[in-house]
PDB file of N, CA and C in Angstrom:
ATOM      1  N   MET A   1      25.942  30.985   9.119  1.00  0.00           N
ATOM      2  CA  MET A   1      25.343  30.199  10.220  1.00  0.00           C
ATOM      3  C   MET A   1      24.028  30.720  10.731  1.00  0.00           C
ATOM      4  N   SER A   2      23.369  31.606  10.021  1.00  0.00           N
ATOM      5  CA  SER A   2      22.205  32.086  10.091  1.00  0.00           C
ATOM      6  C   SER A   2      21.247  31.263   9.276  1.00  0.00           C
ATOM      7  N   ASP A   3      21.751  30.584   8.326  1.00  0.00           N
ATOM      8  CA  ASP A   3      20.806  29.715   7.568  1.00  0.00           C
ATOM      9  C   ASP A   3      20.335  28.495   8.410  1.00  0.00           C
ATOM     10  N   TYR A   4      21.521  27.959   9.212  1.00  0.00           N
ATOM     11  CA  TYR A   4      21.280  26.758   9.980  1.00  0.00           C
ATOM     12  C   TYR A   4      20.326  27.307  11.055  1.00  0.00           C
ATOM     13  N   ALA A   5      20.410  28.364  11.650  1.00  0.00           N
ATOM     14  CA  ALA A   5      19.416  28.723  12.545  1.00  0.00           C
ATOM     15  C   ALA A   5      18.133  29.047  12.206  1.00  0.00           C
ATOM     16  N   SER A   6      17.943  29.470  10.907  1.00  0.00           N
ATOM     17  CA  SER A   6      16.736  29.680  10.425  1.00  0.00           C
ATOM     18  C   SER A   6      15.945  28.439  10.325  1.00  0.00           C
ATOM     19  N   VAL A   7      16.746  27.432   9.524  1.00  0.00           N
ATOM     20  CA  VAL A   7      16.113  26.246   9.289  1.00  0.00           C
ATOM     21  C   VAL A   7      15.748  25.362  10.631  1.00  0.00           C
ATOM     22  N   GLN A   8      16.730  25.581  11.762  1.00  0.00           N
ATOM     23  CA  GLN A   8      16.314  24.873  12.683  1.00  0.00           C
ATOM     24  C   GLN A   8      14.915  25.420  13.483  1.00  0.00           C
ATOM     25  N   ALA A   9      15.068  26.638  13.402  1.00  0.00           N
ATOM     26  CA  ALA A   9      13.547  27.288  13.944  1.00  0.00           C
ATOM     27  C   ALA A   9      12.474  26.891  13.303  1.00  0.00           C
ATOM     28  N   LEU A  10      12.554  26.853  11.831  1.00  0.00           N
ATOM     29  CA  LEU A  10      11.419  26.432  11.052  1.00  0.00           C
ATOM     30  C   LEU A  10      10.999  24.957  11.444  1.00  0.00           C
ATOM     31  N   HIS A  11      12.300  24.063  11.746  1.00  0.00           N
ATOM     32  CA  HIS A  11      11.900  22.637  12.096  1.00  0.00           C
ATOM     33  C   HIS A  11      11.151  22.439  13.489  1.00  0.00           C
ATOM     34  N   LEU A  12      11.617  23.351  14.357  1.00  0.00           N
ATOM     35  CA  LEU A  12      11.090  23.228  15.688  1.00  0.00           C
ATOM     36  C   LEU A  12       9.722  23.893  15.723  1.00  0.00           C
ATOM     37  N   SER A  13       9.199  24.706  14.689  1.00  0.00           N
ATOM     38  CA  SER A  13       7.861  25.245  14.684  1.00  0.00           C
ATOM     39  C   SER A  13       6.938  24.574  13.973  1.00  0.00           C
ATOM     40  N   SER A  14       7.368  23.715  13.112  1.00  0.00           N
ATOM     41  CA  SER A  14       6.363  22.769  12.199  1.00  0.00           C
ATOM     42  C   SER A  14       5.787  21.885  13.059  1.00  0.00           C
ATOM     43  N   PRO A  15       4.486  21.514  12.381  1.00  0.00           N
ATOM     44  CA  PRO A  15       3.718  20.434  13.198  1.00  0.00           C
ATOM     45  C   PRO A  15       4.275  18.931  13.078  1.00  0.00           C
ATOM     46  N   PRO A  16       4.325  18.065  13.983  1.00  0.00           N
ATOM     47  CA  PRO A  16       4.525  16.659  13.755  1.00  0.00           C
ATOM     48  C   PRO A  16       3.810  16.021  12.736  1.00  0.00           C
ATOM     49  N   PHE A  17       4.385  15.064  12.073  1.00  0.00           N
ATOM     50  CA  PHE A  17       3.835  14.103  10.910  1.00  0.00           C
ATOM     51  C   PHE A  17       2.540  13.638  11.644  1.00  0.00           C
ATOM     52  N   SER A  18       1.555  13.380  11.068  1.00  0.00           N
ATOM     53  CA  SER A  18       0.350  12.623  11.339  1.00  0.00           C
ATOM     54  C   SER A  18      -0.207  11.864  10.008  1.00  0.00           C
ATOM     55  N   PRO A  19      -0.140  10.562  10.170  1.00  0.00           N
ATOM     56  CA  PRO A  19      -0.591   9.825   8.795  1.00  0.00           C
ATOM     57  C   PRO A  19      -2.062  10.159   8.485  1.00  0.00           C
ATOM     58  N   THR A  20      -2.399   9.901   7.311  1.00  0.00           N
ATOM     59  CA  THR A  20      -3.783  10.091   6.726  1.00  0.00           C
ATOM     60  C   THR A  20      -4.558   8.939   7.214  1.00  0.00           C
ATOM     61  N   ILE A  21      -4.033   7.683   7.098  1.00  0.00           N
ATOM     62  CA  ILE A  21      -4.649   6.683   7.456  1.00  0.00           C
ATOM     63  C   ILE A  21      -4.398   6.252   8.916  1.00  0.00           C
ATOM     64  N   PRO A  22      -5.297   6.194   9.987  1.00  0.00           N
ATOM     65  CA  PRO A  22      -5.044   5.846  11.347  1.00  0.00           C
ATOM     66  C   PRO A  22      -4.284   4.552  11.330  1.00  0.00           C
ATOM     67  N   THR A  23      -3.103   4.608  12.295  1.00  0.00           N
ATOM     68  CA  THR A  23      -2.535   3.313  12.243  1.00  0.00           C
ATOM     69  C   THR A  23      -3.183   2.108  12.967  1.00  0.00           C
ATOM     70  N   ALA A  24      -4.303   2.575  13.544  1.00  0.00           N
ATOM     71  CA  ALA A  24      -5.102   1.111  14.074  1.00  0.00           C
ATOM     72  C   ALA A  24      -6.107   0.519  13.183  1.00  0.00           C
ATOM     73  N   LEU A  25      -6.300   1.172  11.835  1.00  0.00           N
ATOM     74  CA  LEU A  25      -6.955   0.580  10.722  1.00  0.00           C
ATOM     75  C   LEU A  25      -6.017  -0.158   9.869  1.00  0.00           C
ATOM     76  N   LEU A  26      -4.770  -0.118  10.085  1.00  0.00           N
ATOM     77  CA  LEU A  26      -3.803  -0.904   9.100  1.00  0.00           C
ATOM     78  C   LEU A  26      -3.982  -2.305   9.079  1.00  0.00           C
ATOM     79  N   PRO A  27      -4.198  -3.080  10.185  1.00  0.00           N
ATOM     80  CA  PRO A  27      -4.285  -4.677  10.041  1.00  0.00           C
ATOM     81  C   PRO A  27      -5.674  -5.008   9.349  1.00  0.00           C
ATOM     82  N   TYR A  28      -6.659  -4.046   9.502  1.00  0.00           N
ATOM     83  CA  TYR A  28      -8.027  -4.399   8.815  1.00  0.00           C
ATOM     84  C   TYR A  28      -7.811  -3.986   7.120  1.00  0.00           C
ATOM     85  N   LEU A  29      -6.975  -2.977   6.936  1.00  0.00           N
ATOM     86  CA  LEU A  29      -6.736  -2.506   5.663  1.00  0.00           C
ATOM     87  C   LEU A  29      -5.910  -3.691   4.802  1.00  0.00           C
ATOM     88  N   ALA A  30      -4.848  -4.349   5.508  1.00  0.00           N
ATOM     89  CA  ALA A  30      -4.111  -5.254   5.005  1.00  0.00           C
ATOM     90  C   ALA A  30      -4.801  -6.308   4.871  1.00  0.00           C
ATOM     91  N   PHE A  31      -5.663  -6.839   5.701  1.00  0.00           N
ATOM     92  CA  PHE A  31      -6.366  -8.102   5.597  1.00  0.00           C
ATOM     93  C   PHE A  31      -7.422  -8.085   4.175  1.00  0.00           C
ATOM     94  N   ILE A  32      -8.149  -6.860   4.201  1.00  0.00           N
ATOM     95  CA  ILE A  32      -8.808  -6.482   2.960  1.00  0.00           C
ATOM     96  C   ILE A  32      -8.081  -6.710   1.707  1.00  0.00           C
ATOM     97  N   LEU A  33      -7.033  -5.908   1.545  1.00  0.00           N
ATOM     98  CA  LEU A  33      -6.340  -5.817   0.294  1.00  0.00           C
ATOM     99  C   LEU A  33      -5.602  -7.108   0.091  1.00  0.00           C
ATOM    100  N   LEU A  34      -5.308  -7.909   0.989  1.00  0.00           N
ATOM    101  CA  LEU A  34      -4.549  -9.395   0.650  1.00  0.00           C
ATOM    102  C   LEU A  34      -5.551 -10.161   0.426  1.00  0.00           C
ATOM    103  N   GLY A  35      -6.757 -10.159   0.944  1.00  0.00           N
ATOM    104  CA  GLY A  35      -7.690 -11.097   0.644  1.00  0.00           C
ATOM    105  C   GLY A  35      -8.263 -10.720  -0.808  1.00  0.00           C
ATOM    106  N   ALA A  36      -8.474  -9.529  -1.145  1.00  0.00           N
ATOM    107  CA  ALA A  36      -8.719  -9.185  -2.517  1.00  0.00           C
ATOM    108  C   ALA A  36      -7.698  -9.810  -3.548  1.00  0.00           C
ATOM    109  N   THR A  37      -6.526  -9.694  -3.127  1.00  0.00           N
ATOM    110  CA  THR A  37      -5.441 -10.084  -3.967  1.00  0.00           C
ATOM    111  C   THR A  37      -5.406 -11.543  -4.240  1.00  0.00           C
ATOM    112  N   PHE A  38      -5.710 -12.537  -3.040  1.00  0.00           N
ATOM    113  CA  PHE A  38      -5.682 -13.900  -3.203  1.00  0.00           C
ATOM    114  C   PHE A  38      -6.923 -14.246  -3.850  1.00  0.00           C
ATOM    115  N   GLY A  39      -8.274 -13.653  -3.778  1.00  0.00           N
ATOM    116  CA  GLY A  39      -9.313 -13.886  -4.564  1.00  0.00           C
ATOM    117  C   GLY A  39      -9.004 -13.554  -6.192  1.00  0.00           C
ATOM    118  N   LEU A  40      -8.371 -12.641  -6.403  1.00  0.00           N
ATOM    119  CA  LEU A  40      -8.070 -12.149  -7.723  1.00  0.00           C
ATOM    120  C   LEU A  40      -7.101 -13.321  -8.188  1.00  0.00           C
ATOM    121  N   ALA A  41      -6.304 -13.778  -7.563  1.00  0.00           N
ATOM    122  CA  ALA A  41      -5.238 -14.601  -8.061  1.00  0.00           C
ATOM    123  C   ALA A  41      -6.185 -16.045  -8.249  1.00  0.00           C
ATOM    124  N   PHE A  42      -6.998 -16.318  -7.659  1.00  0.00           N
ATOM    125  CA  PHE A  42      -7.744 -17.645  -7.745  1.00  0.00           C
ATOM    126  C   PHE A  42      -8.566 -17.476  -9.290  1.00  0.00           C
ATOM    127  N   TYR A  43      -9.352 -16.217  -9.223  1.00  0.00           N
ATOM    128  CA  TYR A  43      -9.989 -15.698 -10.721  1.00  0.00           C
ATOM    129  C   TYR A  43      -9.061 -15.946 -11.664  1.00  0.00           C
ATOM    130  N   PHE A  44      -7.835 -15.451 -11.520  1.00  0.00           N
ATOM    131  CA  PHE A  44      -6.962 -15.264 -12.616  1.00  0.00           C
ATOM    132  C   PHE A  44      -6.620 -16.757 -12.968  1.00  0.00           C
ATOM    133  N   SER A  45      -6.460 -17.694 -12.201  1.00  0.00           N
ATOM    134  CA  SER A  45      -6.174 -19.324 -12.390  1.00  0.00           C
ATOM    135  C   SER A  45      -7.126 -19.766 -13.231  1.00  0.00           C
ATOM    136  N   THR A  46      -8.493 -19.209 -13.194  1.00  0.00           N
ATOM    137  CA  THR A  46      -9.613 -20.035 -13.723  1.00  0.00           C
ATOM    138  C   THR A  46      -9.998 -19.200 -15.115  1.00  0.00           C
ATOM    139  N   LEU A  47      -9.304 -18.170 -15.393  1.00  0.00           N
ATOM    140  CA  LEU A  47      -9.536 -17.629 -16.739  1.00  0.00           C
ATOM    141  C   LEU A  47      -9.233 -18.405 -18.102  1.00  0.00           C
ATOM    142  N   PRO A  48      -9.982 -18.544 -18.738  1.00  0.00           N
ATOM    143  CA  PRO A  48      -9.674 -19.074 -20.079  1.00  0.00           C
ATOM    144  C   PRO A  48      -8.735 -18.550 -20.842  1.00  0.00           C
ATOM    145  N   LYS A  49      -7.915 -19.223 -21.673  1.00  0.00           N
ATOM    146  CA  LYS A  49      -6.636 -18.556 -22.495  1.00  0.00           C
ATOM    147  C   LYS A  49      -7.583 -18.097 -23.578  1.00  0.00           C
ATOM    148  N   GLU A  50      -6.995 -16.728 -23.867  1.00  0.00           N
ATOM    149  CA  GLU A  50      -7.650 -16.169 -24.971  1.00  0.00           C
ATOM    150  C   GLU A  50      -6.440 -15.731 -25.926  1.00  0.00           C
ATOM    151  N   LYS A  51      -6.504 -15.279 -27.013  1.00  0.00           N
ATOM    152  CA  LYS A  51      -5.448 -14.850 -28.070  1.00  0.00           C
ATOM    153  C   LYS A  51      -5.048 -13.336 -27.609  1.00  0.00           C
ATOM    154  N   ILE A  52      -5.739 -12.623 -27.360  1.00  0.00           N
ATOM    155  CA  ILE A  52      -5.609 -11.163 -26.784  1.00  0.00           C
ATOM    156  C   ILE A  52      -5.772 -11.208 -25.288  1.00  0.00           C
ATOM    157  N   PRO A  53      -4.995 -11.238 -24.422  1.00  0.00           N
ATOM    158  CA  PRO A  53      -5.088 -11.502 -22.891  1.00  0.00           C
ATOM    159  C   PRO A  53      -5.452 -10.197 -22.068  1.00  0.00           C
ATOM    160  N   ALA A  54      -6.462  -9.426 -22.639  1.00  0.00           N
ATOM    161  CA  ALA A  54      -6.687  -8.154 -22.170  1.00  0.00           C
ATOM    162  C   ALA A  54      -7.332  -8.329 -20.583  1.00  0.00           C
ATOM    163  N   ARG A  55      -8.169  -9.379 -20.622  1.00  0.00           N
ATOM    164  CA  ARG A  55      -8.803  -9.535 -19.022  1.00  0.00           C
ATOM    165  C   ARG A  55      -7.773 -10.084 -18.198  1.00  0.00           C
ATOM    166  N   GLU A  56      -7.020 -11.084 -18.580  1.00  0.00           N
ATOM    167  CA  GLU A  56      -5.952 -11.433 -17.891  1.00  0.00           C
ATOM    168  C   GLU A  56      -5.048 -10.399 -17.173  1.00  0.00           C
ATOM    169  N   LEU A  57      -4.740  -9.459 -18.154  1.00  0.00           N
ATOM    170  CA  LEU A  57      -3.813  -8.439 -17.829  1.00  0.00           C
ATOM    171  C   LEU A  57      -4.320  -7.404 -16.870  1.00  0.00           C
ATOM    172  N   ALA A  58      -5.690  -7.248 -17.070  1.00  0.00           N
ATOM    173  CA  ALA A  58      -6.373  -6.423 -15.988  1.00  0.00           C
ATOM    174  C   ALA A  58      -6.432  -6.907 -14.657  1.00  0.00           C
ATOM    175  N   VAL A  59      -6.845  -8.173 -14.644  1.00  0.00           N
ATOM    176  CA  VAL A  59      -6.978  -9.028 -13.496  1.00  0.00           C
ATOM    177  C   VAL A  59      -5.590  -9.224 -12.636  1.00  0.00           C
ATOM    178  N   ALA A  60      -4.747  -9.616 -13.481  1.00  0.00           N
ATOM    179  CA  ALA A  60      -3.363  -9.493 -12.878  1.00  0.00           C
ATOM    180  C   ALA A  60      -2.694  -8.481 -12.473  1.00  0.00           C
ATOM    181  N   SER A  61      -2.871  -7.206 -13.106  1.00  0.00           N
ATOM    182  CA  SER A  61      -2.284  -6.016 -12.733  1.00  0.00           C
ATOM    183  C   SER A  61      -2.968  -5.407 -11.309  1.00  0.00           C
ATOM    184  N   THR A  62      -4.446  -5.579 -11.345  1.00  0.00           N
ATOM    185  CA  THR A  62      -5.069  -5.263 -10.322  1.00  0.00           C
ATOM    186  C   THR A  62      -4.571  -6.092  -9.140  1.00  0.00           C
ATOM    187  N   ALA A  63      -4.442  -7.218  -9.177  1.00  0.00           N
ATOM    188  CA  ALA A  63      -4.038  -8.212  -8.221  1.00  0.00           C
ATOM    189  C   ALA A  63      -2.574  -7.707  -7.448  1.00  0.00           C
ATOM    190  N   SER A  64      -1.794  -7.466  -8.457  1.00  0.00           N
ATOM    191  CA  SER A  64      -0.338  -6.963  -8.180  1.00  0.00           C
ATOM    192  C   SER A  64      -0.299  -5.780  -7.398  1.00  0.00           C
ATOM    193  N   VAL A  65      -1.031  -4.851  -7.746  1.00  0.00           N
ATOM    194  CA  VAL A  65      -1.346  -3.591  -7.088  1.00  0.00           C
ATOM    195  C   VAL A  65      -1.854  -3.800  -5.623  1.00  0.00           C
ATOM    196  N   LEU A  66      -2.908  -4.426  -5.662  1.00  0.00           N
ATOM    197  CA  LEU A  66      -3.598  -4.551  -4.284  1.00  0.00           C
ATOM    198  C   LEU A  66      -2.545  -5.376  -3.490  1.00  0.00           C
ATOM    199  N   GLY A  67      -1.969  -6.478  -3.969  1.00  0.00           N
ATOM    200  CA  GLY A  67      -0.938  -7.267  -3.314  1.00  0.00           C
ATOM    201  C   GLY A  67       0.236  -6.176  -2.567  1.00  0.00           C
ATOM    202  N   GLY A  68       0.722  -5.352  -3.538  1.00  0.00           N
ATOM    203  CA  GLY A  68       1.916  -4.384  -3.025  1.00  0.00           C
ATOM    204  C   GLY A  68       1.394  -3.417  -1.824  1.00  0.00           C
ATOM    205  N   PHE A  69       0.316  -2.968  -2.098  1.00  0.00           N
ATOM    206  CA  PHE A  69      -0.296  -2.004  -1.070  1.00  0.00           C
ATOM    207  C   PHE A  69      -0.725  -2.737   0.339  1.00  0.00           C
ATOM    208  N   GLY A  70      -1.177  -3.975  -0.098  1.00  0.00           N
ATOM    209  CA  GLY A  70      -1.406  -5.005   1.124  1.00  0.00           C
ATOM    210  C   GLY A  70      -0.249  -5.453   2.141  1.00  0.00           C
ATOM    211  N   VAL A  71       0.829  -5.643   1.294  1.00  0.00           N
ATOM    212  CA  VAL A  71       2.184  -6.023   2.001  1.00  0.00           C
ATOM    213  C   VAL A  71       2.555  -4.815   2.686  1.00  0.00           C
ATOM    214  N   VAL A  72       2.649  -3.698   2.100  1.00  0.00           N
ATOM    215  CA  VAL A  72       3.080  -2.455   2.819  1.00  0.00           C
ATOM    216  C   VAL A  72       2.178  -2.179   3.987  1.00  0.00           C
ATOM    217  N   ALA A  73       0.747  -2.359   3.916  1.00  0.00           N
ATOM    218  CA  ALA A  73       0.052  -2.120   4.988  1.00  0.00           C
ATOM    219  C   ALA A  73       0.408  -2.868   6.101  1.00  0.00           C
ATOM    220  N   MET A  74       0.299  -4.452   5.883  1.00  0.00           N
ATOM    221  CA  MET A  74       0.792  -5.292   6.736  1.00  0.00           C
ATOM    222  C   MET A  74       2.192  -5.185   7.464  1.00  0.00           C
ATOM    223  N   PHE A  75       3.165  -4.641   6.753  1.00  0.00           N
ATOM    224  CA  PHE A  75       4.566  -4.554   7.443  1.00  0.00           C
ATOM    225  C   PHE A  75       4.134  -3.168   8.369  1.00  0.00           C
ATOM    226  N   CYS A  76       3.574  -2.206   8.092  1.00  0.00           N
ATOM    227  CA  CYS A  76       3.431  -0.965   8.787  1.00  0.00           C
ATOM    228  C   CYS A  76       2.571  -1.522  10.086  1.00  0.00           C
ATOM    229  N   ALA A  77       1.643  -2.307   9.869  1.00  0.00           N
ATOM    230  CA  ALA A  77       0.823  -3.009  10.797  1.00  0.00           C
ATOM    231  C   ALA A  77       1.484  -3.469  12.061  1.00  0.00           C
ATOM    232  N   VAL A  78       2.494  -4.385  11.673  1.00  0.00           N
ATOM    233  CA  VAL A  78       3.268  -5.016  12.550  1.00  0.00           C
ATOM    234  C   VAL A  78       4.503  -4.393  13.056  1.00  0.00           C
ATOM    235  N   GLY A  79       4.689  -3.012  12.711  1.00  0.00           N
ATOM    236  CA  GLY A  79       5.747  -2.242  13.336  1.00  0.00           C
ATOM    237  C   GLY A  79       7.097  -1.867  12.271  1.00  0.00           C
ATOM    238  N   VAL A  80       7.055  -2.472  11.233  1.00  0.00           N
ATOM    239  CA  VAL A  80       8.149  -2.432  10.286  1.00  0.00           C
ATOM    240  C   VAL A  80       7.732  -1.312   9.189  1.00  0.00           C
ATOM    241  N   TYR A  81       8.037   0.122   9.578  1.00  0.00           N
ATOM    242  CA  TYR A  81       7.754   1.069   8.810  1.00  0.00           C
ATOM    243  C   TYR A  81       8.394   1.174   7.617  1.00  0.00           C
ATOM    244  N   VAL A  82       7.877   0.904   6.345  1.00  0.00           N
ATOM    245  CA  VAL A  82       8.659   0.997   5.296  1.00  0.00           C
ATOM    246  C   VAL A  82       8.163   2.265   4.570  1.00  0.00           C
TER     247      VAL A  82
END
């Protein structure tokens, strides 16, 4: 039982969690990330087709990553903490 008591004491003495990015900035961050995603998606649709799609892969990957982070930021901004 001493292990539980020591873990409980450690838990009570530890500082509370504080996010790196302030929650007040999340709507703006989500808007910027999702806006960049839509811009890159439009740019992706206008790219000419090439034999080796390196540029297409780079643009699509960047848009995908920005979209993923943008959706998570938007969820957190409206109170759905994922």
